[in-house]
Amino acid sequence: MKPQIKEQYEKHLKAKRLETWKIRGTQLFILISFFVLWEVASRMQWIDPLLFSSPSNVFELFVSMLQSGTLHVHIGVTLLETILGLSLERSVELSLPLVYGGLLFFLVCLTLISSF
């Protein structure tokens, strides 16, 4: 490689690394700002702490469940509830159009019969 091209390539790589560091730094700043704002909003009761617990409380509960060994039980129950909820939603989602279509067919037949 020519020295001039190599020098330009190294400048390009340095600029790319700097850009990557700036992007990662900005992403980290946004993430930390989000959690700080969430914590402050929960403590100042700008948001309902019962619905949106503070990140520090969530972390404390996570650590205590991890230490007591009950975390896997809670994860299992949550997964079961999620699967049951999605199954119920799918069954209703698939059955309602069938019921509606059957009702529509019944009304069309009733209209045709009554027109004679």
N, C-alpha and C. Protein backbone atom coordinates (compact mmCIF):
# COMPACT_ATOMS: atom_id res chain seq x y z
N MET A 1 0.83 -1.17 0.00
CA MET A 1 0.00 0.00 0.00
C MET A 1 0.88 1.24 0.00
N LYS A 2 0.48 2.21 -0.73
CA LYS A 2 1.23 3.46 -0.77
C LYS A 2 1.11 4.16 0.58
N PRO A 3 2.14 4.86 0.98
CA PRO A 3 2.10 5.55 2.29
C PRO A 3 0.96 6.55 2.41
N GLN A 4 0.65 7.24 1.31
CA GLN A 4 -0.42 8.23 1.35
C GLN A 4 -1.78 7.55 1.55
N ILE A 5 -2.00 6.45 0.83
CA ILE A 5 -3.26 5.72 0.96
C ILE A 5 -3.38 5.11 2.35
N LYS A 6 -2.28 4.56 2.84
CA LYS A 6 -2.28 3.95 4.18
C LYS A 6 -2.59 5.00 5.24
N GLU A 7 -2.05 6.17 5.08
CA GLU A 7 -2.29 7.26 6.02
C GLU A 7 -3.76 7.69 6.00
N GLN A 8 -4.33 7.79 4.80
CA GLN A 8 -5.75 8.15 4.68
C GLN A 8 -6.63 7.06 5.28
N TYR A 9 -6.25 5.80 5.05
CA TYR A 9 -7.02 4.69 5.60
C TYR A 9 -6.99 4.69 7.13
N GLU A 10 -5.83 4.96 7.70
CA GLU A 10 -5.71 5.02 9.16
C GLU A 10 -6.52 6.19 9.72
N LYS A 11 -6.54 7.31 9.01
CA LYS A 11 -7.37 8.45 9.43
C LYS A 11 -8.85 8.06 9.40
N HIS A 12 -9.22 7.35 8.34
CA HIS A 12 -10.61 6.89 8.21
C HIS A 12 -10.97 5.95 9.36
N LEU A 13 -10.10 5.00 9.67
CA LEU A 13 -10.37 4.07 10.78
C LEU A 13 -10.46 4.80 12.12
N LYS A 14 -9.60 5.78 12.32
CA LYS A 14 -9.62 6.55 13.55
C LYS A 14 -10.92 7.34 13.67
N ALA A 15 -11.36 7.92 12.55
CA ALA A 15 -12.63 8.67 12.54
C ALA A 15 -13.80 7.74 12.82
N LYS A 16 -13.78 6.53 12.26
CA LYS A 16 -14.85 5.56 12.49
C LYS A 16 -14.89 5.12 13.96
N ARG A 17 -13.72 4.89 14.54
CA ARG A 17 -13.67 4.50 15.97
C ARG A 17 -14.20 5.62 16.85
N LEU A 18 -13.83 6.86 16.52
CA LEU A 18 -14.31 8.00 17.29
C LEU A 18 -15.83 8.13 17.16
N GLU A 19 -16.34 7.94 15.95
CA GLU A 19 -17.78 8.00 15.73
C GLU A 19 -18.50 6.90 16.52
N THR A 20 -17.91 5.71 16.53
CA THR A 20 -18.50 4.60 17.28
C THR A 20 -18.53 4.91 18.78
N TRP A 21 -17.45 5.48 19.30
CA TRP A 21 -17.41 5.84 20.72
C TRP A 21 -18.45 6.91 21.05
N LYS A 22 -18.62 7.87 20.14
CA LYS A 22 -19.62 8.92 20.36
C LYS A 22 -21.03 8.33 20.38
N ILE A 23 -21.30 7.43 19.46
CA ILE A 23 -22.62 6.81 19.40
C ILE A 23 -22.87 5.97 20.65
N ARG A 24 -21.90 5.15 21.04
CA ARG A 24 -22.06 4.32 22.24
C ARG A 24 -22.21 5.19 23.50
N GLY A 25 -21.47 6.27 23.56
CA GLY A 25 -21.58 7.18 24.70
C GLY A 25 -22.96 7.82 24.77
N THR A 26 -23.47 8.23 23.62
CA THR A 26 -24.81 8.83 23.58
C THR A 26 -25.86 7.81 23.98
N GLN A 27 -25.74 6.58 23.50
CA GLN A 27 -26.68 5.52 23.86
C GLN A 27 -26.65 5.25 25.36
N LEU A 28 -25.45 5.18 25.92
CA LEU A 28 -25.31 4.95 27.36
C LEU A 28 -25.91 6.11 28.16
N PHE A 29 -25.67 7.33 27.70
CA PHE A 29 -26.23 8.51 28.37
C PHE A 29 -27.75 8.46 28.36
N ILE A 30 -28.35 8.09 27.22
CA ILE A 30 -29.81 8.01 27.13
C ILE A 30 -30.35 6.94 28.05
N LEU A 31 -29.68 5.78 28.10
CA LEU A 31 -30.12 4.69 28.97
C LEU A 31 -30.06 5.09 30.44
N ILE A 32 -28.95 5.68 30.84
CA ILE A 32 -28.81 6.10 32.24
C ILE A 32 -29.81 7.20 32.57
N SER A 33 -30.00 8.14 31.65
CA SER A 33 -30.97 9.22 31.87
C SER A 33 -32.39 8.66 32.03
N PHE A 34 -32.73 7.64 31.24
CA PHE A 34 -34.04 7.01 31.34
C PHE A 34 -34.25 6.43 32.73
N PHE A 35 -33.27 5.67 33.24
CA PHE A 35 -33.42 5.06 34.56
C PHE A 35 -33.43 6.10 35.69
N VAL A 36 -32.63 7.14 35.55
CA VAL A 36 -32.62 8.20 36.56
C VAL A 36 -33.96 8.93 36.58
N LEU A 37 -34.48 9.25 35.41
CA LEU A 37 -35.77 9.92 35.32
C LEU A 37 -36.88 9.03 35.87
N TRP A 38 -36.82 7.75 35.58
CA TRP A 38 -37.80 6.80 36.09
C TRP A 38 -37.75 6.73 37.62
N GLU A 39 -36.54 6.69 38.18
CA GLU A 39 -36.38 6.64 39.63
C GLU A 39 -36.93 7.92 40.28
N VAL A 40 -36.57 9.06 39.72
CA VAL A 40 -37.03 10.34 40.27
C VAL A 40 -38.55 10.45 40.15
N ALA A 41 -39.09 10.06 39.00
CA ALA A 41 -40.53 10.14 38.80
C ALA A 41 -41.28 9.24 39.78
N SER A 42 -40.72 8.09 40.08
CA SER A 42 -41.36 7.19 41.03
C SER A 42 -41.29 7.73 42.45
N ARG A 43 -40.14 8.23 42.83
CA ARG A 43 -39.98 8.75 44.20
C ARG A 43 -40.78 10.03 44.42
N MET A 44 -40.87 10.87 43.40
CA MET A 44 -41.64 12.12 43.53
C MET A 44 -43.13 11.89 43.27
N GLN A 45 -43.48 10.65 42.94
CA GLN A 45 -44.85 10.23 42.66
C GLN A 45 -45.46 10.99 41.48
N TRP A 46 -44.61 11.28 40.49
CA TRP A 46 -45.12 11.81 39.24
C TRP A 46 -45.82 10.69 38.47
N ILE A 47 -45.35 9.47 38.71
CA ILE A 47 -46.00 8.28 38.19
C ILE A 47 -46.43 7.45 39.38
N ASP A 48 -47.44 6.63 39.21
CA ASP A 48 -47.95 5.81 40.31
C ASP A 48 -46.93 4.74 40.66
N PRO A 49 -46.35 4.77 41.87
CA PRO A 49 -45.35 3.78 42.25
C PRO A 49 -45.91 2.37 42.35
N LEU A 50 -47.23 2.24 42.48
CA LEU A 50 -47.82 0.91 42.52
C LEU A 50 -47.79 0.26 41.13
N LEU A 51 -47.99 1.06 40.10
CA LEU A 51 -47.96 0.53 38.73
C LEU A 51 -46.56 0.51 38.14
N PHE A 52 -45.78 1.53 38.44
CA PHE A 52 -44.42 1.65 37.91
C PHE A 52 -43.45 1.78 39.08
N SER A 53 -43.08 0.65 39.64
CA SER A 53 -42.15 0.66 40.76
C SER A 53 -40.81 1.23 40.32
N SER A 54 -40.09 1.77 41.27
CA SER A 54 -38.80 2.39 40.92
C SER A 54 -37.78 1.30 40.55
N PRO A 55 -36.82 1.65 39.71
CA PRO A 55 -35.80 0.67 39.30
C PRO A 55 -35.03 0.11 40.49
N SER A 56 -34.80 0.92 41.51
CA SER A 56 -34.06 0.41 42.68
C SER A 56 -34.87 -0.65 43.42
N ASN A 57 -36.19 -0.46 43.52
CA ASN A 57 -37.03 -1.48 44.16
C ASN A 57 -37.08 -2.76 43.33
N VAL A 58 -37.14 -2.61 42.01
CA VAL A 58 -37.16 -3.78 41.13
C VAL A 58 -35.85 -4.55 41.28
N PHE A 59 -34.74 -3.84 41.32
CA PHE A 59 -33.44 -4.49 41.46
C PHE A 59 -33.32 -5.19 42.81
N GLU A 60 -33.79 -4.53 43.89
CA GLU A 60 -33.74 -5.15 45.22
C GLU A 60 -34.57 -6.43 45.27
N LEU A 61 -35.75 -6.39 44.67
CA LEU A 61 -36.61 -7.57 44.63
C LEU A 61 -35.98 -8.68 43.79
N PHE A 62 -35.37 -8.32 42.67
CA PHE A 62 -34.68 -9.30 41.83
C PHE A 62 -33.57 -10.00 42.61
N VAL A 63 -32.77 -9.22 43.33
CA VAL A 63 -31.66 -9.80 44.10
C VAL A 63 -32.19 -10.69 45.22
N SER A 64 -33.25 -10.24 45.91
CA SER A 64 -33.78 -11.06 47.01
C SER A 64 -34.38 -12.37 46.49
N MET A 65 -35.07 -12.32 45.33
CA MET A 65 -35.61 -13.55 44.74
C MET A 65 -34.49 -14.46 44.25
N LEU A 66 -33.45 -13.87 43.75
CA LEU A 66 -32.31 -14.66 43.30
C LEU A 66 -31.64 -15.36 44.47
N GLN A 67 -31.49 -14.66 45.59
CA GLN A 67 -30.87 -15.24 46.77
C GLN A 67 -31.75 -16.30 47.43
N SER A 68 -33.06 -16.09 47.43
CA SER A 68 -33.95 -17.05 48.08
C SER A 68 -34.27 -18.23 47.17
N GLY A 69 -33.96 -18.15 45.89
CA GLY A 69 -34.20 -19.24 44.97
C GLY A 69 -35.61 -19.31 44.44
N THR A 70 -36.39 -18.25 44.58
CA THR A 70 -37.77 -18.27 44.12
C THR A 70 -37.94 -17.60 42.76
N LEU A 71 -36.85 -17.12 42.18
CA LEU A 71 -36.95 -16.41 40.91
C LEU A 71 -37.48 -17.32 39.81
N HIS A 72 -37.00 -18.55 39.76
CA HIS A 72 -37.45 -19.45 38.70
C HIS A 72 -38.93 -19.79 38.83
N VAL A 73 -39.46 -19.82 40.05
CA VAL A 73 -40.88 -20.08 40.25
C VAL A 73 -41.71 -18.93 39.68
N HIS A 74 -41.29 -17.71 39.98
CA HIS A 74 -42.01 -16.53 39.49
C HIS A 74 -41.93 -16.43 37.97
N ILE A 75 -40.77 -16.75 37.42
CA ILE A 75 -40.63 -16.73 35.95
C ILE A 75 -41.54 -17.77 35.33
N GLY A 76 -41.61 -18.96 35.94
CA GLY A 76 -42.48 -20.02 35.43
C GLY A 76 -43.94 -19.62 35.44
N VAL A 77 -44.39 -19.01 36.54
CA VAL A 77 -45.78 -18.57 36.64
C VAL A 77 -46.07 -17.49 35.60
N THR A 78 -45.16 -16.56 35.43
CA THR A 78 -45.35 -15.50 34.45
C THR A 78 -45.43 -16.07 33.03
N LEU A 79 -44.56 -17.02 32.71
CA LEU A 79 -44.60 -17.64 31.39
C LEU A 79 -45.91 -18.40 31.18
N LEU A 80 -46.37 -19.13 32.21
CA LEU A 80 -47.63 -19.85 32.10
C LEU A 80 -48.79 -18.89 31.87
N GLU A 81 -48.84 -17.81 32.63
CA GLU A 81 -49.91 -16.82 32.46
C GLU A 81 -49.86 -16.20 31.06
N THR A 82 -48.67 -15.94 30.57
CA THR A 82 -48.52 -15.37 29.23
C THR A 82 -49.02 -16.33 28.17
N ILE A 83 -48.63 -17.60 28.28
CA ILE A 83 -49.06 -18.60 27.30
C ILE A 83 -50.57 -18.79 27.35
N LEU A 84 -51.14 -18.87 28.56
CA LEU A 84 -52.59 -19.02 28.68
C LEU A 84 -53.33 -17.80 28.13
N GLY A 85 -52.83 -16.62 28.43
CA GLY A 85 -53.46 -15.40 27.93
C GLY A 85 -53.42 -15.31 26.41
N LEU A 86 -52.27 -15.65 25.83
CA LEU A 86 -52.17 -15.61 24.37
C LEU A 86 -53.05 -16.68 23.73
N SER A 87 -53.14 -17.84 24.36
CA SER A 87 -54.01 -18.90 23.83
C SER A 87 -55.47 -18.48 23.87
N LEU A 88 -55.89 -17.88 24.97
CA LEU A 88 -57.26 -17.39 25.08
C LEU A 88 -57.53 -16.31 24.04
N GLU A 89 -56.59 -15.42 23.89
CA GLU A 89 -56.74 -14.33 22.91
C GLU A 89 -56.86 -14.90 21.50
N ARG A 90 -56.05 -15.87 21.16
CA ARG A 90 -56.09 -16.47 19.83
C ARG A 90 -57.41 -17.20 19.59
N SER A 91 -57.89 -17.90 20.60
CA SER A 91 -59.14 -18.64 20.41
C SER A 91 -60.31 -17.68 20.21
N VAL A 92 -60.34 -16.58 20.95
CA VAL A 92 -61.39 -15.58 20.76
C VAL A 92 -61.21 -14.89 19.41
N GLU A 93 -59.98 -14.60 19.06
CA GLU A 93 -59.69 -13.92 17.79
C GLU A 93 -60.12 -14.77 16.60
N LEU A 94 -59.98 -16.07 16.72
CA LEU A 94 -60.37 -16.94 15.61
C LEU A 94 -61.85 -17.29 15.62
N SER A 95 -62.48 -17.34 16.79
CA SER A 95 -63.88 -17.76 16.86
C SER A 95 -64.85 -16.61 16.55
N LEU A 96 -64.51 -15.39 16.93
CA LEU A 96 -65.43 -14.27 16.68
C LEU A 96 -65.75 -14.06 15.20
N PRO A 97 -64.78 -14.09 14.32
CA PRO A 97 -65.15 -13.95 12.90
C PRO A 97 -66.03 -15.09 12.40
N LEU A 98 -65.81 -16.30 12.93
CA LEU A 98 -66.66 -17.42 12.52
C LEU A 98 -68.09 -17.20 13.00
N VAL A 99 -68.24 -16.72 14.24
CA VAL A 99 -69.57 -16.44 14.77
C VAL A 99 -70.22 -15.32 13.96
N TYR A 100 -69.46 -14.28 13.70
CA TYR A 100 -70.00 -13.15 12.93
C TYR A 100 -70.39 -13.60 11.52
N GLY A 101 -69.54 -14.41 10.88
CA GLY A 101 -69.85 -14.91 9.55
C GLY A 101 -71.08 -15.79 9.55
N GLY A 102 -71.21 -16.64 10.58
CA GLY A 102 -72.40 -17.49 10.68
C GLY A 102 -73.65 -16.67 10.90
N LEU A 103 -73.55 -15.64 11.73
CA LEU A 103 -74.69 -14.76 11.98
C LEU A 103 -75.08 -14.02 10.70
N LEU A 104 -74.10 -13.55 9.97
CA LEU A 104 -74.36 -12.86 8.73
C LEU A 104 -75.03 -13.79 7.72
N PHE A 105 -74.54 -15.03 7.63
CA PHE A 105 -75.14 -16.02 6.74
C PHE A 105 -76.59 -16.30 7.15
N PHE A 106 -76.84 -16.41 8.46
CA PHE A 106 -78.20 -16.65 8.97
C PHE A 106 -79.12 -15.50 8.59
N LEU A 107 -78.64 -14.27 8.74
CA LEU A 107 -79.48 -13.11 8.41
C LEU A 107 -79.76 -13.03 6.91
N VAL A 108 -78.78 -13.35 6.09
CA VAL A 108 -79.00 -13.36 4.64
C VAL A 108 -80.03 -14.41 4.27
N CYS A 109 -79.91 -15.60 4.86
CA CYS A 109 -80.88 -16.68 4.59
C CYS A 109 -82.27 -16.27 5.06
N LEU A 110 -82.35 -15.65 6.24
CA LEU A 110 -83.63 -15.21 6.79
C LEU A 110 -84.25 -14.16 5.86
N THR A 111 -83.46 -13.26 5.33
CA THR A 111 -83.97 -12.24 4.41
C THR A 111 -84.48 -12.87 3.13
N LEU A 112 -83.74 -13.84 2.62
CA LEU A 112 -84.17 -14.52 1.39
C LEU A 112 -85.46 -15.30 1.60
N ILE A 113 -85.58 -15.96 2.74
CA ILE A 113 -86.78 -16.73 3.04
C ILE A 113 -87.99 -15.81 3.22
N SER A 114 -87.77 -14.68 3.89
CA SER A 114 -88.90 -13.78 4.14
C SER A 114 -89.32 -13.02 2.89
N SER A 115 -88.45 -12.98 1.88
CA SER A 115 -88.82 -12.26 0.66
C SER A 115 -89.74 -13.09 -0.23
N PHE A 116 -89.90 -14.38 0.02
CA PHE A 116 -90.81 -15.22 -0.79
C PHE A 116 -92.19 -15.01 -0.38
